[in-house]
Amino acid sequence: MTVVHVSLELARHARDNPGGIAVIGSGGSMLTFAELEARVQASAHALRALGLARGERTALFVPPGADFVALFHALLRLGALPIL
């Protein structure tokens, strides 16, 4: 399984179980699979527009939580290599 496939599993969960809880953050905040997938798509689109290309190494300095998960999957979806 390639890294892109890992992120596409998220898209499948969003399609099959959109209201399911995908991320529980500190303080009890939650994101559904549909909400997380929307964040991933928006982030991937923005990163692509900034010129991020497949195979690029990318430092990901984001605190743990929903933003981290969304950006991580967006990078995978683009084929970029997140360095944690």
Protein backbone atom coordinates (compact mmCIF):
# COMPACT_ATOMS: atom_id res chain seq x y z
CA MET A 1 0.00 0.00 0.00
CA THR A 2 1.43 3.38 -0.97
CA VAL A 3 1.19 6.50 1.17
CA VAL A 4 -1.41 7.97 -1.19
CA HIS A 5 -3.57 4.90 -0.59
CA VAL A 6 -3.45 5.53 3.17
CA SER A 7 -5.04 8.93 2.64
CA LEU A 8 -7.57 7.56 0.18
CA GLU A 9 -8.79 5.26 2.95
CA LEU A 10 -9.84 8.42 4.78
CA ALA A 11 -11.84 9.47 1.71
CA ARG A 12 -13.50 6.03 1.68
CA HIS A 13 -14.45 6.35 5.37
CA ALA A 14 -15.84 9.83 4.71
CA ARG A 15 -18.01 8.42 1.92
CA ASP A 16 -19.13 5.31 3.82
CA ASN A 17 -19.50 6.82 7.29
CA PRO A 18 -19.59 10.64 6.98
CA GLY A 19 -20.98 11.22 10.46
CA GLY A 20 -18.54 8.90 12.21
CA ILE A 21 -16.03 10.46 14.59
CA ALA A 22 -12.60 10.69 12.96
CA VAL A 23 -10.66 12.90 15.40
CA ILE A 24 -11.18 13.71 19.06
CA GLY A 25 -9.08 16.68 20.10
CA SER A 26 -8.09 18.08 23.43
CA GLY A 27 -11.02 19.52 25.33
CA GLY A 28 -13.38 17.06 23.68
CA SER A 29 -13.59 18.76 20.28
CA MET A 30 -14.51 16.32 17.52
CA LEU A 31 -14.39 16.10 13.74
CA THR A 32 -16.45 13.71 11.67
CA PHE A 33 -14.94 11.85 8.74
CA ALA A 34 -16.79 14.19 6.36
CA GLU A 35 -15.44 17.29 8.13
CA LEU A 36 -11.91 15.90 8.18
CA GLU A 37 -12.08 14.93 4.49
CA ALA A 38 -13.24 18.46 3.63
CA ARG A 39 -10.24 19.89 5.52
CA VAL A 40 -7.89 17.47 3.75
CA GLN A 41 -9.23 18.44 0.33
CA ALA A 42 -9.04 22.17 1.07
CA SER A 43 -5.50 21.84 2.45
CA ALA A 44 -4.33 19.73 -0.51
CA HIS A 45 -5.79 22.27 -2.93
CA ALA A 46 -4.07 25.17 -1.14
CA LEU A 47 -0.72 23.36 -0.96
CA ARG A 48 -0.90 22.46 -4.65
CA ALA A 49 -1.68 26.09 -5.50
CA LEU A 50 1.44 27.12 -3.55
CA GLY A 51 3.50 24.85 -5.80
CA LEU A 52 4.00 21.78 -3.63
CA ALA A 53 4.80 18.84 -5.90
CA ARG A 54 4.83 15.07 -5.66
CA GLY A 55 7.98 13.69 -4.02
CA GLU A 56 8.91 16.89 -2.17
CA ARG A 57 10.03 16.52 1.43
CA THR A 58 7.97 18.72 3.69
CA ALA A 59 8.61 19.58 7.35
CA LEU A 60 5.34 19.38 9.26
CA PHE A 61 5.53 21.45 12.45
CA VAL A 62 1.94 21.45 13.66
CA PRO A 63 0.77 20.60 17.18
CA PRO A 64 -1.08 17.28 17.52
CA GLY A 65 -4.78 17.58 16.74
CA ALA A 66 -7.21 17.95 13.86
CA ASP A 67 -5.02 20.39 11.89
CA PHE A 68 -2.09 17.98 12.09
CA VAL A 69 -4.19 15.05 10.88
CA ALA A 70 -5.68 17.08 8.02
CA LEU A 71 -2.33 18.46 6.84
CA PHE A 72 -0.65 15.07 7.15
CA HIS A 73 -3.30 13.46 4.93
CA ALA A 74 -3.21 16.40 2.49
CA LEU A 75 0.54 15.92 2.06
CA LEU A 76 0.07 12.20 1.52
CA ARG A 77 -2.70 12.85 -0.98
CA LEU A 78 -0.35 15.10 -2.98
CA GLY A 79 2.42 12.52 -2.85
CA ALA A 80 4.63 14.81 -0.75
CA LEU A 81 6.74 13.30 2.01
CA PRO A 82 5.89 14.69 5.43
CA ILE A 83 8.84 14.88 7.81
CA LEU A 84 7.54 14.84 11.36
